[in-house]
């Protein structure tokens, strides 16, 4: 049996395209080209039955290294804390005030995109910032 080498991360959400475009900005991901025969994703979406329009969206790492992110519309809203979350690794290799400054700068950028800062965890050496995306999904700046 061969090992699995690829996976995608799926988000349940109310507005798939909005959440996908937020994560494109966070991670430097891109929206793939629309299916053959369609000039835009909007054109493709309009070709679908009304109940399926706007029901999903995806983005991917342009380098092909990171996992594909898939966003699917679900009828229920988020009601509890995520049991799994993404750690966005912006402070790798940094410690103390230098690490904290890097995390704070990225936090400010993401808040401007619609993220919510939840809390700072800092012990004088190591740190991370707990955040929520545009639909309240938890993630950390690490």
C-alpha atoms as a PDB file:
ATOM      1  CA  UNK A   1       0.000   0.000   0.000  1.00  0.00           C
ATOM      2  CA  UNK A   2       1.414   3.374  -0.970  1.00  0.00           C
ATOM      3  CA  UNK A   3       1.391   6.251   1.514  1.00  0.00           C
ATOM      4  CA  UNK A   4      -1.023   9.124   0.976  1.00  0.00           C
ATOM      5  CA  UNK A   5       0.957  12.191  -0.044  1.00  0.00           C
ATOM      6  CA  UNK A   6      -1.770  14.728  -0.690  1.00  0.00           C
ATOM      7  CA  UNK A   7      -4.771  15.942   1.256  1.00  0.00           C
ATOM      8  CA  UNK A   8      -7.112  18.893   1.255  1.00  0.00           C
ATOM      9  CA  UNK A   9      -8.546  20.812   4.171  1.00  0.00           C
ATOM     10  CA  UNK A  10     -12.313  21.324   4.003  1.00  0.00           C
ATOM     11  CA  UNK A  11     -14.144  24.180   5.720  1.00  0.00           C
ATOM     12  CA  UNK A  12     -17.881  24.133   6.377  1.00  0.00           C
ATOM     13  CA  UNK A  13     -19.156  27.690   5.991  1.00  0.00           C
ATOM     14  CA  UNK A  14     -22.050  29.927   4.968  1.00  0.00           C
ATOM     15  CA  UNK A  15     -20.256  31.864   2.196  1.00  0.00           C
ATOM     16  CA  UNK A  16     -17.662  29.639   0.496  1.00  0.00           C
ATOM     17  CA  UNK A  17     -16.223  32.181  -1.919  1.00  0.00           C
ATOM     18  CA  UNK A  18     -15.865  34.890   0.749  1.00  0.00           C
ATOM     19  CA  UNK A  19     -14.058  32.542   3.139  1.00  0.00           C
ATOM     20  CA  UNK A  20     -11.885  31.106   0.351  1.00  0.00           C
ATOM     21  CA  UNK A  21     -10.774  34.547  -0.787  1.00  0.00           C
ATOM     22  CA  UNK A  22      -9.902  35.470   2.815  1.00  0.00           C
ATOM     23  CA  UNK A  23      -7.661  32.385   3.091  1.00  0.00           C
ATOM     24  CA  UNK A  24      -6.081  33.187  -0.299  1.00  0.00           C
ATOM     25  CA  UNK A  25      -4.963  36.496   1.205  1.00  0.00           C
ATOM     26  CA  UNK A  26      -3.759  34.863   4.439  1.00  0.00           C
ATOM     27  CA  UNK A  27      -1.702  32.145   2.787  1.00  0.00           C
ATOM     28  CA  UNK A  28      -0.815  33.571  -0.630  1.00  0.00           C
ATOM     29  CA  UNK A  29      -3.012  30.925  -2.253  1.00  0.00           C
ATOM     30  CA  UNK A  30      -4.719  31.337  -5.631  1.00  0.00           C
ATOM     31  CA  UNK A  31      -8.096  30.490  -7.092  1.00  0.00           C
ATOM     32  CA  UNK A  32      -7.597  27.882  -9.825  1.00  0.00           C
ATOM     33  CA  UNK A  33      -8.844  28.583 -13.352  1.00  0.00           C
ATOM     34  CA  UNK A  34     -12.543  27.892 -13.962  1.00  0.00           C
ATOM     35  CA  UNK A  35     -13.578  24.642 -15.674  1.00  0.00           C
ATOM     36  CA  UNK A  36     -13.031  24.394 -19.414  1.00  0.00           C
ATOM     37  CA  UNK A  37     -15.691  26.248 -21.367  1.00  0.00           C
ATOM     38  CA  UNK A  38     -16.205  28.978 -18.745  1.00  0.00           C
ATOM     39  CA  UNK A  39     -14.476  32.357 -18.768  1.00  0.00           C
ATOM     40  CA  UNK A  40     -14.984  32.906 -15.036  1.00  0.00           C
ATOM     41  CA  UNK A  41     -16.084  31.052 -11.922  1.00  0.00           C
ATOM     42  CA  UNK A  42     -19.167  33.294 -11.878  1.00  0.00           C
ATOM     43  CA  UNK A  43     -20.076  32.022 -15.363  1.00  0.00           C
ATOM     44  CA  UNK A  44     -19.629  28.432 -14.173  1.00  0.00           C
ATOM     45  CA  UNK A  45     -21.700  29.104 -11.064  1.00  0.00           C
ATOM     46  CA  UNK A  46     -24.580  30.545 -13.119  1.00  0.00           C
ATOM     47  CA  UNK A  47     -24.637  27.311 -15.166  1.00  0.00           C
ATOM     48  CA  UNK A  48     -25.449  25.263 -12.071  1.00  0.00           C
ATOM     49  CA  UNK A  49     -28.920  24.624 -10.653  1.00  0.00           C
ATOM     50  CA  UNK A  50     -30.048  27.483  -8.375  1.00  0.00           C
ATOM     51  CA  UNK A  51     -29.717  25.366  -5.216  1.00  0.00           C
ATOM     52  CA  UNK A  52     -26.067  24.606  -6.054  1.00  0.00           C
ATOM     53  CA  UNK A  53     -25.001  28.135  -6.952  1.00  0.00           C
ATOM     54  CA  UNK A  54     -22.464  29.480  -4.473  1.00  0.00           C
ATOM     55  CA  UNK A  55     -22.275  26.128  -2.676  1.00  0.00           C
ATOM     56  CA  UNK A  56     -18.520  25.594  -2.933  1.00  0.00           C
ATOM     57  CA  UNK A  57     -15.209  27.235  -3.759  1.00  0.00           C
ATOM     58  CA  UNK A  58     -11.558  26.190  -3.581  1.00  0.00           C
ATOM     59  CA  UNK A  59      -8.074  27.613  -3.581  1.00  0.00           C
ATOM     60  CA  UNK A  60      -4.607  26.159  -3.767  1.00  0.00           C
ATOM     61  CA  UNK A  61      -0.965  26.823  -3.079  1.00  0.00           C
ATOM     62  CA  UNK A  62       0.561  28.161  -6.329  1.00  0.00           C
ATOM     63  CA  UNK A  63       3.778  26.278  -5.539  1.00  0.00           C
ATOM     64  CA  UNK A  64       1.875  22.995  -5.238  1.00  0.00           C
ATOM     65  CA  UNK A  65       3.402  22.279  -1.814  1.00  0.00           C
ATOM     66  CA  UNK A  66       0.544  23.148   0.561  1.00  0.00           C
ATOM     67  CA  UNK A  67      -2.805  21.392   0.687  1.00  0.00           C
ATOM     68  CA  UNK A  68      -5.775  22.476  -1.388  1.00  0.00           C
ATOM     69  CA  UNK A  69      -8.433  24.276   0.643  1.00  0.00           C
ATOM     70  CA  UNK A  70     -12.070  23.491  -0.117  1.00  0.00           C
ATOM     71  CA  UNK A  71     -15.015  25.497   1.207  1.00  0.00           C
ATOM     72  CA  UNK A  72     -18.515  24.059   1.224  1.00  0.00           C
ATOM     73  CA  UNK A  73     -21.761  25.711   2.183  1.00  0.00           C
ATOM     74  CA  UNK A  74     -23.647  24.095   5.034  1.00  0.00           C
ATOM     75  CA  UNK A  75     -27.032  25.162   6.405  1.00  0.00           C
ATOM     76  CA  UNK A  76     -26.052  25.346  10.073  1.00  0.00           C
ATOM     77  CA  UNK A  77     -23.922  28.064  11.587  1.00  0.00           C
ATOM     78  CA  UNK A  78     -20.812  27.517  13.673  1.00  0.00           C
ATOM     79  CA  UNK A  79     -21.809  26.826  17.274  1.00  0.00           C
ATOM     80  CA  UNK A  80     -18.767  25.359  19.053  1.00  0.00           C
ATOM     81  CA  UNK A  81     -14.995  25.645  19.040  1.00  0.00           C
ATOM     82  CA  UNK A  82     -13.212  23.875  16.185  1.00  0.00           C
ATOM     83  CA  UNK A  83     -11.589  20.596  17.206  1.00  0.00           C
ATOM     84  CA  UNK A  84      -8.943  21.109  14.500  1.00  0.00           C
ATOM     85  CA  UNK A  85      -7.498  24.430  13.413  1.00  0.00           C
ATOM     86  CA  UNK A  86      -4.750  25.813  11.194  1.00  0.00           C
ATOM     87  CA  UNK A  87      -1.559  27.296  12.615  1.00  0.00           C
ATOM     88  CA  UNK A  88      -0.272  29.955  10.240  1.00  0.00           C
ATOM     89  CA  UNK A  89       3.494  29.783  10.769  1.00  0.00           C
ATOM     90  CA  UNK A  90       4.726  33.374  10.458  1.00  0.00           C
ATOM     91  CA  UNK A  91       7.196  33.413  13.354  1.00  0.00           C
ATOM     92  CA  UNK A  92       9.178  30.251  12.656  1.00  0.00           C
ATOM     93  CA  UNK A  93      12.716  30.513  14.007  1.00  0.00           C
ATOM     94  CA  UNK A  94      12.056  33.734  15.904  1.00  0.00           C
ATOM     95  CA  UNK A  95      11.835  34.131  19.684  1.00  0.00           C
ATOM     96  CA  UNK A  96      10.960  36.787  22.236  1.00  0.00           C
ATOM     97  CA  UNK A  97      10.205  40.336  21.137  1.00  0.00           C
ATOM     98  CA  UNK A  98      11.301  39.701  17.544  1.00  0.00           C
ATOM     99  CA  UNK A  99       8.770  36.849  17.230  1.00  0.00           C
ATOM    100  CA  UNK A 100       6.050  38.866  18.926  1.00  0.00           C
ATOM    101  CA  UNK A 101       6.608  41.822  16.569  1.00  0.00           C
ATOM    102  CA  UNK A 102       6.301  39.538  13.517  1.00  0.00           C
ATOM    103  CA  UNK A 103       3.080  37.992  14.859  1.00  0.00           C
ATOM    104  CA  UNK A 104       1.596  41.391  15.722  1.00  0.00           C
ATOM    105  CA  UNK A 105       2.342  42.759  12.240  1.00  0.00           C
ATOM    106  CA  UNK A 106       0.655  39.773  10.598  1.00  0.00           C
ATOM    107  CA  UNK A 107      -2.253  40.024  13.031  1.00  0.00           C
ATOM    108  CA  UNK A 108      -2.822  43.655  12.025  1.00  0.00           C
ATOM    109  CA  UNK A 109      -2.791  42.696   8.329  1.00  0.00           C
ATOM    110  CA  UNK A 110      -5.342  39.923   8.868  1.00  0.00           C
ATOM    111  CA  UNK A 111      -7.620  42.042  11.066  1.00  0.00           C
ATOM    112  CA  UNK A 112      -7.756  44.528   8.175  1.00  0.00           C
ATOM    113  CA  UNK A 113      -8.987  41.632   5.991  1.00  0.00           C
ATOM    114  CA  UNK A 114     -11.796  40.788   8.427  1.00  0.00           C
ATOM    115  CA  UNK A 115     -10.147  38.402  10.907  1.00  0.00           C
ATOM    116  CA  UNK A 116     -10.742  38.785  14.636  1.00  0.00           C
ATOM    117  CA  UNK A 117      -7.962  38.750  17.206  1.00  0.00           C
ATOM    118  CA  UNK A 118      -8.989  36.542  20.139  1.00  0.00           C
ATOM    119  CA  UNK A 119      -5.995  36.436  22.465  1.00  0.00           C
ATOM    120  CA  UNK A 120      -2.243  36.574  22.780  1.00  0.00           C
ATOM    121  CA  UNK A 121      -0.398  33.718  24.426  1.00  0.00           C
ATOM    122  CA  UNK A 122       3.060  34.976  25.421  1.00  0.00           C
ATOM    123  CA  UNK A 123       5.487  33.731  28.050  1.00  0.00           C
ATOM    124  CA  UNK A 124       8.394  36.094  27.340  1.00  0.00           C
ATOM    125  CA  UNK A 125      10.058  33.618  24.983  1.00  0.00           C
ATOM    126  CA  UNK A 126       7.434  31.865  22.874  1.00  0.00           C
ATOM    127  CA  UNK A 127       4.168  33.286  21.620  1.00  0.00           C
ATOM    128  CA  UNK A 128       1.135  32.778  19.400  1.00  0.00           C
ATOM    129  CA  UNK A 129      -1.993  34.764  18.665  1.00  0.00           C
ATOM    130  CA  UNK A 130      -5.379  33.051  18.614  1.00  0.00           C
ATOM    131  CA  UNK A 131      -7.633  34.416  15.878  1.00  0.00           C
ATOM    132  CA  UNK A 132     -10.854  33.782  13.974  1.00  0.00           C
ATOM    133  CA  UNK A 133     -11.427  34.013  10.239  1.00  0.00           C
ATOM    134  CA  UNK A 134     -14.281  35.932   8.602  1.00  0.00           C
ATOM    135  CA  UNK A 135     -16.811  33.271   9.684  1.00  0.00           C
ATOM    136  CA  UNK A 136     -15.441  32.635  13.163  1.00  0.00           C
ATOM    137  CA  UNK A 137     -13.251  29.578  12.444  1.00  0.00           C
ATOM    138  CA  UNK A 138     -10.338  29.512  14.860  1.00  0.00           C
ATOM    139  CA  UNK A 139      -6.728  29.624  13.728  1.00  0.00           C
ATOM    140  CA  UNK A 140      -3.449  30.651  15.296  1.00  0.00           C
ATOM    141  CA  UNK A 141      -0.615  32.858  14.184  1.00  0.00           C
ATOM    142  CA  UNK A 142       2.373  30.840  15.286  1.00  0.00           C
END
